[in-house]
Amino acid sequence: MRNLDTFDLRILTAVQRDSSLSQRQIADLVGMSQNACWRRMQALQAEGILAGSQARVDLAALGLDLTVFVMIRTRHHSRDWVDRFSRHVQGLPEVIDFNRIGGEWDYLLKVVTPGMAGYDRFYQRLIDGFEFDKVTGLFSMERILEHRPADLNRLL
């Protein structure tokens, strides 16, 4: 990976904040020509630094009003078990983030459901066919900060 300069970081910051910006708007924001901006964006994509774009959807407005952080501890760590569990979790549409973590817990899932009954249905499907040491859910009461763009200026 090449060293990123101020222009690269400005482009990445602009796209993080609003991926719907046109190339011309991004070029204007970062202070470069549209062609130069396009070339840099192509290079960032080719290097895997800039990948895709997504719109933020208000899930609560769609009835998915409960966010649960599910922490899982297991005694099973074989590659076969991990692969089977990973496929299982990826097949559960309520899971929007899935991480293997270090420390006392092995996995952290971010789950969105339509209320507590929806979470219970999800939980029953999550544990079906798997033996866990411990599973706990931390229920979000309020989103204080979400989808915060990373401060890339600290990389300079």
N, C-alpha and C. Protein backbone atom coordinates (compact mmCIF):
# COMPACT_ATOMS: atom_id res chain seq x y z
N MET A 1 0.85 -1.19 0.00
CA MET A 1 0.00 0.00 0.00
C MET A 1 0.88 1.24 0.00
N ARG A 2 0.52 2.17 -0.82
CA ARG A 2 1.28 3.42 -0.90
C ARG A 2 0.92 4.31 0.29
N ASN A 3 1.77 5.29 0.53
CA ASN A 3 1.48 6.26 1.58
C ASN A 3 0.38 7.19 1.09
N LEU A 4 -0.60 7.42 1.93
CA LEU A 4 -1.69 8.33 1.58
C LEU A 4 -1.27 9.75 1.91
N ASP A 5 -1.68 10.67 1.05
CA ASP A 5 -1.38 12.07 1.32
C ASP A 5 -2.66 12.79 1.74
N THR A 6 -2.54 14.09 1.93
CA THR A 6 -3.66 14.91 2.40
C THR A 6 -4.84 14.83 1.45
N PHE A 7 -4.59 14.84 0.13
CA PHE A 7 -5.70 14.76 -0.83
C PHE A 7 -6.44 13.43 -0.72
N ASP A 8 -5.70 12.33 -0.59
CA ASP A 8 -6.34 11.03 -0.44
C ASP A 8 -7.23 11.02 0.81
N LEU A 9 -6.69 11.54 1.89
CA LEU A 9 -7.45 11.53 3.15
C LEU A 9 -8.68 12.45 3.06
N ARG A 10 -8.54 13.56 2.35
CA ARG A 10 -9.70 14.45 2.15
C ARG A 10 -10.79 13.75 1.34
N ILE A 11 -10.38 13.03 0.31
CA ILE A 11 -11.34 12.28 -0.52
C ILE A 11 -12.05 11.25 0.35
N LEU A 12 -11.30 10.48 1.10
CA LEU A 12 -11.89 9.44 1.95
C LEU A 12 -12.81 10.04 3.00
N THR A 13 -12.44 11.17 3.56
CA THR A 13 -13.28 11.84 4.56
C THR A 13 -14.59 12.30 3.93
N ALA A 14 -14.51 12.88 2.74
CA ALA A 14 -15.72 13.37 2.06
C ALA A 14 -16.66 12.21 1.74
N VAL A 15 -16.12 11.12 1.25
CA VAL A 15 -16.94 9.97 0.87
C VAL A 15 -17.54 9.30 2.11
N GLN A 16 -16.78 9.26 3.21
CA GLN A 16 -17.32 8.71 4.45
C GLN A 16 -18.53 9.50 4.93
N ARG A 17 -18.45 10.80 4.81
CA ARG A 17 -19.54 11.66 5.31
C ARG A 17 -20.77 11.59 4.41
N ASP A 18 -20.55 11.48 3.09
CA ASP A 18 -21.69 11.47 2.17
C ASP A 18 -21.28 10.78 0.88
N SER A 19 -21.62 9.50 0.76
CA SER A 19 -21.20 8.74 -0.42
C SER A 19 -22.03 9.08 -1.65
N SER A 20 -23.06 9.91 -1.49
CA SER A 20 -23.87 10.28 -2.64
C SER A 20 -23.30 11.48 -3.40
N LEU A 21 -22.20 12.05 -2.91
CA LEU A 21 -21.60 13.19 -3.60
C LEU A 21 -21.13 12.78 -4.99
N SER A 22 -21.28 13.68 -5.93
CA SER A 22 -20.78 13.43 -7.28
C SER A 22 -19.26 13.59 -7.26
N GLN A 23 -18.63 13.08 -8.30
CA GLN A 23 -17.19 13.22 -8.43
C GLN A 23 -16.78 14.70 -8.46
N ARG A 24 -17.57 15.49 -9.16
CA ARG A 24 -17.29 16.94 -9.23
C ARG A 24 -17.37 17.57 -7.83
N GLN A 25 -18.38 17.20 -7.07
CA GLN A 25 -18.53 17.75 -5.71
C GLN A 25 -17.35 17.35 -4.83
N ILE A 26 -16.93 16.10 -4.94
CA ILE A 26 -15.79 15.64 -4.14
C ILE A 26 -14.54 16.41 -4.54
N ALA A 27 -14.32 16.55 -5.84
CA ALA A 27 -13.15 17.29 -6.34
C ALA A 27 -13.16 18.72 -5.81
N ASP A 28 -14.32 19.37 -5.84
CA ASP A 28 -14.43 20.74 -5.33
C ASP A 28 -14.13 20.79 -3.83
N LEU A 29 -14.65 19.81 -3.09
CA LEU A 29 -14.43 19.79 -1.64
C LEU A 29 -12.96 19.63 -1.27
N VAL A 30 -12.26 18.80 -2.02
CA VAL A 30 -10.86 18.52 -1.68
C VAL A 30 -9.88 19.45 -2.37
N GLY A 31 -10.36 20.27 -3.31
CA GLY A 31 -9.50 21.26 -3.96
C GLY A 31 -8.63 20.71 -5.05
N MET A 32 -9.20 19.88 -5.93
CA MET A 32 -8.43 19.37 -7.06
C MET A 32 -9.34 19.26 -8.29
N SER A 33 -8.73 19.01 -9.44
CA SER A 33 -9.52 18.87 -10.66
C SER A 33 -10.32 17.57 -10.60
N GLN A 34 -11.38 17.54 -11.39
CA GLN A 34 -12.22 16.34 -11.40
C GLN A 34 -11.45 15.13 -11.91
N ASN A 35 -10.61 15.31 -12.93
CA ASN A 35 -9.83 14.19 -13.47
C ASN A 35 -8.83 13.66 -12.45
N ALA A 36 -8.14 14.56 -11.78
CA ALA A 36 -7.17 14.13 -10.77
C ALA A 36 -7.88 13.41 -9.62
N CYS A 37 -9.02 13.91 -9.24
CA CYS A 37 -9.81 13.29 -8.17
C CYS A 37 -10.26 11.89 -8.60
N TRP A 38 -10.73 11.76 -9.85
CA TRP A 38 -11.18 10.47 -10.37
C TRP A 38 -10.05 9.45 -10.34
N ARG A 39 -8.84 9.89 -10.78
CA ARG A 39 -7.68 8.98 -10.79
C ARG A 39 -7.35 8.51 -9.38
N ARG A 40 -7.38 9.42 -8.43
CA ARG A 40 -7.09 9.04 -7.04
C ARG A 40 -8.16 8.09 -6.49
N MET A 41 -9.41 8.36 -6.80
CA MET A 41 -10.48 7.48 -6.33
C MET A 41 -10.34 6.09 -6.94
N GLN A 42 -9.96 6.02 -8.22
CA GLN A 42 -9.73 4.73 -8.87
C GLN A 42 -8.59 3.98 -8.18
N ALA A 43 -7.52 4.69 -7.85
CA ALA A 43 -6.38 4.06 -7.17
C ALA A 43 -6.79 3.56 -5.78
N LEU A 44 -7.56 4.37 -5.06
CA LEU A 44 -8.02 3.96 -3.72
C LEU A 44 -8.93 2.73 -3.80
N GLN A 45 -9.73 2.64 -4.85
CA GLN A 45 -10.57 1.46 -5.05
C GLN A 45 -9.71 0.25 -5.40
N ALA A 46 -8.75 0.42 -6.30
CA ALA A 46 -7.89 -0.68 -6.72
C ALA A 46 -7.09 -1.24 -5.55
N GLU A 47 -6.73 -0.37 -4.62
CA GLU A 47 -5.96 -0.81 -3.45
C GLU A 47 -6.84 -1.39 -2.35
N GLY A 48 -8.16 -1.33 -2.54
CA GLY A 48 -9.07 -1.88 -1.54
C GLY A 48 -9.33 -0.97 -0.36
N ILE A 49 -8.88 0.28 -0.46
CA ILE A 49 -9.09 1.24 0.63
C ILE A 49 -10.50 1.81 0.56
N LEU A 50 -10.95 2.09 -0.64
CA LEU A 50 -12.29 2.62 -0.88
C LEU A 50 -13.10 1.50 -1.50
N ALA A 51 -14.13 1.06 -0.77
CA ALA A 51 -14.89 -0.09 -1.24
C ALA A 51 -16.39 0.17 -1.14
N GLY A 52 -17.05 0.30 -2.27
CA GLY A 52 -18.49 0.43 -2.32
C GLY A 52 -19.03 1.67 -1.64
N SER A 53 -20.35 1.76 -1.61
CA SER A 53 -21.02 2.83 -0.89
C SER A 53 -22.37 2.31 -0.44
N GLN A 54 -22.87 2.86 0.64
CA GLN A 54 -24.15 2.43 1.19
C GLN A 54 -24.95 3.63 1.62
N ALA A 55 -26.26 3.48 1.52
CA ALA A 55 -27.15 4.50 2.08
C ALA A 55 -27.51 4.07 3.50
N ARG A 56 -27.66 5.02 4.38
CA ARG A 56 -28.09 4.70 5.75
C ARG A 56 -29.61 4.69 5.79
N VAL A 57 -30.14 3.61 6.28
CA VAL A 57 -31.59 3.44 6.39
C VAL A 57 -31.96 3.48 7.86
N ASP A 58 -32.99 4.24 8.20
CA ASP A 58 -33.47 4.30 9.58
C ASP A 58 -34.28 3.03 9.85
N LEU A 59 -33.63 2.03 10.44
CA LEU A 59 -34.26 0.74 10.66
C LEU A 59 -35.43 0.83 11.63
N ALA A 60 -35.33 1.70 12.63
CA ALA A 60 -36.43 1.87 13.59
C ALA A 60 -37.69 2.36 12.89
N ALA A 61 -37.53 3.21 11.87
CA ALA A 61 -38.69 3.70 11.13
C ALA A 61 -39.37 2.58 10.35
N LEU A 62 -38.65 1.49 10.13
CA LEU A 62 -39.21 0.33 9.43
C LEU A 62 -39.72 -0.73 10.40
N GLY A 63 -39.71 -0.41 11.69
CA GLY A 63 -40.19 -1.36 12.68
C GLY A 63 -39.10 -2.22 13.31
N LEU A 64 -37.86 -2.06 12.86
CA LEU A 64 -36.74 -2.79 13.47
C LEU A 64 -36.18 -1.90 14.58
N ASP A 65 -36.91 -1.86 15.69
CA ASP A 65 -36.66 -0.85 16.71
C ASP A 65 -35.86 -1.34 17.92
N LEU A 66 -35.42 -2.59 17.90
CA LEU A 66 -34.62 -3.10 19.01
C LEU A 66 -33.24 -3.48 18.50
N THR A 67 -32.22 -2.89 19.09
CA THR A 67 -30.83 -3.24 18.78
C THR A 67 -30.25 -3.97 19.97
N VAL A 68 -29.67 -5.15 19.69
CA VAL A 68 -29.10 -5.98 20.75
C VAL A 68 -27.67 -6.34 20.35
N PHE A 69 -26.76 -6.17 21.29
CA PHE A 69 -25.38 -6.62 21.11
C PHE A 69 -25.29 -7.97 21.81
N VAL A 70 -25.11 -9.02 21.02
CA VAL A 70 -25.11 -10.38 21.54
C VAL A 70 -23.66 -10.83 21.68
N MET A 71 -23.31 -11.23 22.89
CA MET A 71 -21.96 -11.72 23.16
C MET A 71 -22.04 -13.22 23.40
N ILE A 72 -21.11 -13.95 22.76
CA ILE A 72 -21.13 -15.41 22.80
C ILE A 72 -19.78 -15.93 23.23
N ARG A 73 -19.82 -16.88 24.17
CA ARG A 73 -18.60 -17.61 24.57
C ARG A 73 -18.85 -19.08 24.25
N THR A 74 -17.86 -19.71 23.64
CA THR A 74 -17.98 -21.12 23.29
C THR A 74 -16.72 -21.87 23.70
N ARG A 75 -16.85 -23.17 23.82
CA ARG A 75 -15.67 -24.01 24.09
C ARG A 75 -15.14 -24.62 22.80
N HIS A 76 -15.83 -24.36 21.71
CA HIS A 76 -15.48 -24.95 20.42
C HIS A 76 -14.71 -23.94 19.59
N HIS A 77 -13.50 -24.34 19.19
CA HIS A 77 -12.67 -23.42 18.42
C HIS A 77 -12.03 -24.07 17.20
N SER A 78 -12.51 -25.27 16.83
CA SER A 78 -11.95 -25.93 15.65
C SER A 78 -12.37 -25.16 14.40
N ARG A 79 -11.59 -25.24 13.36
CA ARG A 79 -11.88 -24.55 12.11
C ARG A 79 -13.24 -24.98 11.56
N ASP A 80 -13.54 -26.30 11.65
CA ASP A 80 -14.82 -26.78 11.14
C ASP A 80 -15.99 -26.15 11.90
N TRP A 81 -15.88 -26.10 13.23
CA TRP A 81 -16.96 -25.52 14.03
C TRP A 81 -17.11 -24.03 13.71
N VAL A 82 -16.00 -23.32 13.64
CA VAL A 82 -16.04 -21.88 13.36
C VAL A 82 -16.66 -21.63 11.98
N ASP A 83 -16.29 -22.42 10.99
CA ASP A 83 -16.86 -22.25 9.65
C ASP A 83 -18.36 -22.51 9.65
N ARG A 84 -18.79 -23.56 10.34
CA ARG A 84 -20.22 -23.90 10.40
C ARG A 84 -20.99 -22.81 11.13
N PHE A 85 -20.44 -22.33 12.24
CA PHE A 85 -21.10 -21.28 13.01
C PHE A 85 -21.15 -19.97 12.20
N SER A 86 -20.08 -19.65 11.51
CA SER A 86 -20.03 -18.43 10.70
C SER A 86 -21.10 -18.47 9.60
N ARG A 87 -21.23 -19.60 8.92
CA ARG A 87 -22.27 -19.72 7.88
C ARG A 87 -23.66 -19.59 8.50
N HIS A 88 -23.85 -20.17 9.67
CA HIS A 88 -25.14 -20.10 10.36
C HIS A 88 -25.50 -18.65 10.67
N VAL A 89 -24.57 -17.92 11.27
CA VAL A 89 -24.83 -16.53 11.66
C VAL A 89 -25.06 -15.66 10.44
N GLN A 90 -24.28 -15.86 9.40
CA GLN A 90 -24.45 -15.05 8.19
C GLN A 90 -25.80 -15.31 7.51
N GLY A 91 -26.44 -16.43 7.83
CA GLY A 91 -27.76 -16.74 7.29
C GLY A 91 -28.90 -16.16 8.11
N LEU A 92 -28.59 -15.49 9.21
CA LEU A 92 -29.61 -14.87 10.06
C LEU A 92 -29.74 -13.40 9.68
N PRO A 93 -30.83 -13.00 9.05
CA PRO A 93 -30.93 -11.63 8.53
C PRO A 93 -30.93 -10.55 9.60
N GLU A 94 -31.21 -10.89 10.83
CA GLU A 94 -31.22 -9.89 11.90
C GLU A 94 -29.82 -9.40 12.26
N VAL A 95 -28.80 -10.18 11.91
CA VAL A 95 -27.41 -9.84 12.24
C VAL A 95 -26.88 -8.84 11.23
N ILE A 96 -26.50 -7.64 11.73
CA ILE A 96 -25.95 -6.63 10.82
C ILE A 96 -24.44 -6.42 11.00
N ASP A 97 -23.88 -6.89 12.11
CA ASP A 97 -22.43 -6.90 12.33
C ASP A 97 -22.09 -8.20 13.05
N PHE A 98 -20.95 -8.78 12.69
CA PHE A 98 -20.53 -10.07 13.26
C PHE A 98 -19.02 -10.03 13.41
N ASN A 99 -18.52 -10.14 14.64
CA ASN A 99 -17.09 -10.04 14.91
C ASN A 99 -16.62 -11.17 15.81
N ARG A 100 -15.43 -11.69 15.50
CA ARG A 100 -14.73 -12.58 16.44
C ARG A 100 -13.88 -11.65 17.28
N ILE A 101 -13.95 -11.80 18.60
CA ILE A 101 -13.29 -10.86 19.48
C ILE A 101 -12.36 -11.58 20.46
N GLY A 102 -11.48 -10.83 21.09
CA GLY A 102 -10.59 -11.36 22.10
C GLY A 102 -11.10 -11.00 23.48
N GLY A 103 -10.54 -11.64 24.48
CA GLY A 103 -10.95 -11.38 25.85
C GLY A 103 -11.81 -12.52 26.37
N GLU A 104 -12.72 -12.20 27.27
CA GLU A 104 -13.57 -13.22 27.89
C GLU A 104 -14.59 -13.81 26.93
N TRP A 105 -14.93 -13.10 25.87
CA TRP A 105 -15.95 -13.52 24.93
C TRP A 105 -15.30 -13.87 23.60
N ASP A 106 -15.99 -14.68 22.80
CA ASP A 106 -15.46 -15.11 21.51
C ASP A 106 -16.06 -14.36 20.32
N TYR A 107 -17.36 -14.03 20.41
CA TYR A 107 -18.05 -13.40 19.29
C TYR A 107 -18.94 -12.27 19.78
N LEU A 108 -19.08 -11.25 18.93
CA LEU A 108 -19.98 -10.14 19.20
C LEU A 108 -20.82 -9.93 17.95
N LEU A 109 -22.14 -9.95 18.13
CA LEU A 109 -23.07 -9.74 17.03
C LEU A 109 -23.88 -8.49 17.32
N LYS A 110 -24.14 -7.70 16.31
CA LYS A 110 -25.08 -6.59 16.42
C LYS A 110 -26.33 -7.04 15.67
N VAL A 111 -27.45 -7.04 16.39
CA VAL A 111 -28.69 -7.60 15.88
C VAL A 111 -29.78 -6.54 15.94
N VAL A 112 -30.60 -6.43 14.91
CA VAL A 112 -31.77 -5.55 14.94
C VAL A 112 -33.01 -6.39 14.69
N THR A 113 -34.03 -6.16 15.52
CA THR A 113 -35.27 -6.93 15.43
C THR A 113 -36.48 -6.03 15.69
N PRO A 114 -37.65 -6.52 15.32
CA PRO A 114 -38.87 -5.80 15.68
C PRO A 114 -39.27 -6.15 17.12
N GLY A 115 -38.71 -5.46 18.07
CA GLY A 115 -39.07 -5.63 19.47
C GLY A 115 -38.53 -6.90 20.10
N MET A 116 -38.93 -7.10 21.36
CA MET A 116 -38.44 -8.22 22.15
C MET A 116 -38.90 -9.57 21.59
N ALA A 117 -40.12 -9.65 21.10
CA ALA A 117 -40.60 -10.90 20.52
C ALA A 117 -39.76 -11.29 19.30
N GLY A 118 -39.38 -10.30 18.51
CA GLY A 118 -38.51 -10.55 17.36
C GLY A 118 -37.15 -11.05 17.80
N TYR A 119 -36.64 -10.47 18.89
CA TYR A 119 -35.35 -10.92 19.41
C TYR A 119 -35.44 -12.36 19.91
N ASP A 120 -36.52 -12.71 20.57
CA ASP A 120 -36.68 -14.07 21.07
C ASP A 120 -36.70 -15.07 19.91
N ARG A 121 -37.41 -14.74 18.84
CA ARG A 121 -37.43 -15.62 17.66
C ARG A 121 -36.02 -15.76 17.08
N PHE A 122 -35.29 -14.65 16.99
CA PHE A 122 -33.91 -14.68 16.51
C PHE A 122 -33.06 -15.57 17.41
N TYR A 123 -33.16 -15.38 18.72
CA TYR A 123 -32.34 -16.11 19.69
C TYR A 123 -32.56 -17.62 19.54
N GLN A 124 -33.80 -18.03 19.38
CA GLN A 124 -34.09 -19.46 19.23
C GLN A 124 -33.42 -20.03 17.98
N ARG A 125 -33.41 -19.28 16.90
CA ARG A 125 -32.74 -19.72 15.68
C ARG A 125 -31.21 -19.68 15.83
N LEU A 126 -30.71 -18.69 16.56
CA LEU A 126 -29.26 -18.58 16.77
C LEU A 126 -28.71 -19.80 17.48
N ILE A 127 -29.36 -20.24 18.52
CA ILE A 127 -28.81 -21.33 19.35
C ILE A 127 -29.16 -22.72 18.81
N ASP A 128 -30.05 -22.79 17.84
CA ASP A 128 -30.48 -24.08 17.30
C ASP A 128 -29.31 -24.83 16.67
N GLY A 129 -28.96 -25.97 17.23
CA GLY A 129 -27.90 -26.80 16.68
C GLY A 129 -26.51 -26.44 17.14
N PHE A 130 -26.37 -25.51 18.07
CA PHE A 130 -25.06 -25.11 18.56
C PHE A 130 -25.03 -25.15 20.08
N GLU A 131 -23.89 -25.54 20.60
CA GLU A 131 -23.69 -25.56 22.04
C GLU A 131 -22.75 -24.42 22.41
N PHE A 132 -23.24 -23.53 23.26
CA PHE A 132 -22.44 -22.38 23.70
C PHE A 132 -22.17 -22.48 25.19
N ASP A 133 -21.07 -21.92 25.61
CA ASP A 133 -20.76 -21.83 27.03
C ASP A 133 -21.65 -20.77 27.68
N LYS A 134 -21.80 -19.63 26.97
CA LYS A 134 -22.62 -18.54 27.49
C LYS A 134 -23.03 -17.62 26.35
N VAL A 135 -24.26 -17.13 26.43
CA VAL A 135 -24.77 -16.13 25.49
C VAL A 135 -25.45 -15.05 26.31
N THR A 136 -25.14 -13.80 26.03
CA THR A 136 -25.82 -12.70 26.72
C THR A 136 -26.15 -11.61 25.71
N GLY A 137 -27.22 -10.91 25.98
CA GLY A 137 -27.63 -9.81 25.11
C GLY A 137 -27.60 -8.49 25.87
N LEU A 138 -27.01 -7.50 25.27
CA LEU A 138 -27.00 -6.15 25.83
C LEU A 138 -27.93 -5.31 24.97
N PHE A 139 -28.98 -4.78 25.56
CA PHE A 139 -30.03 -4.10 24.83
C PHE A 139 -29.76 -2.60 24.78
N SER A 140 -29.71 -2.06 23.57
CA SER A 140 -29.47 -0.63 23.40
C SER A 140 -30.73 0.14 23.75
N MET A 141 -30.58 1.09 24.64
CA MET A 141 -31.71 1.93 25.04
C MET A 141 -31.74 3.22 24.23
N GLU A 142 -30.57 3.66 23.77
CA GLU A 142 -30.50 4.92 23.02
C GLU A 142 -29.24 4.91 22.17
N ARG A 143 -29.36 5.28 20.89
CA ARG A 143 -28.18 5.46 20.03
C ARG A 143 -27.67 6.87 20.24
N ILE A 144 -26.52 6.98 20.82
CA ILE A 144 -25.94 8.29 21.09
C ILE A 144 -25.04 8.72 19.93
N LEU A 145 -24.28 7.80 19.40
CA LEU A 145 -23.39 8.07 18.27
C LEU A 145 -23.38 6.83 17.39
N GLU A 146 -23.65 7.02 16.11
CA GLU A 146 -23.71 5.89 15.20
C GLU A 146 -23.19 6.32 13.84
N HIS A 147 -22.51 5.42 13.15
CA HIS A 147 -21.98 5.67 11.81
C HIS A 147 -21.04 6.87 11.77
N ARG A 148 -20.28 7.05 12.81
CA ARG A 148 -19.33 8.17 12.84
C ARG A 148 -18.19 7.91 11.87
N PRO A 149 -17.91 8.83 10.99
CA PRO A 149 -16.77 8.66 10.09
C PRO A 149 -15.46 8.66 10.90
N ALA A 150 -14.55 7.80 10.52
CA ALA A 150 -13.25 7.76 11.18
C ALA A 150 -12.51 9.06 10.90
N ASP A 151 -11.82 9.58 11.90
CA ASP A 151 -11.01 10.80 11.74
C ASP A 151 -9.70 10.40 11.07
N LEU A 152 -9.61 10.61 9.78
CA LEU A 152 -8.42 10.19 9.02
C LEU A 152 -7.27 11.17 9.13
N ASN A 153 -7.52 12.37 9.63
CA ASN A 153 -6.44 13.37 9.78
C ASN A 153 -5.39 12.89 10.77
N ARG A 154 -5.76 11.98 11.65
CA ARG A 154 -4.77 11.47 12.63
C ARG A 154 -3.72 10.59 11.96
N LEU A 155 -3.95 10.22 10.69
CA LEU A 155 -2.96 9.40 9.97
C LEU A 155 -1.84 10.22 9.38
N LEU A 156 -1.97 11.54 9.41
CA LEU A 156 -0.93 12.40 8.83
C LEU A 156 0.27 12.49 9.73
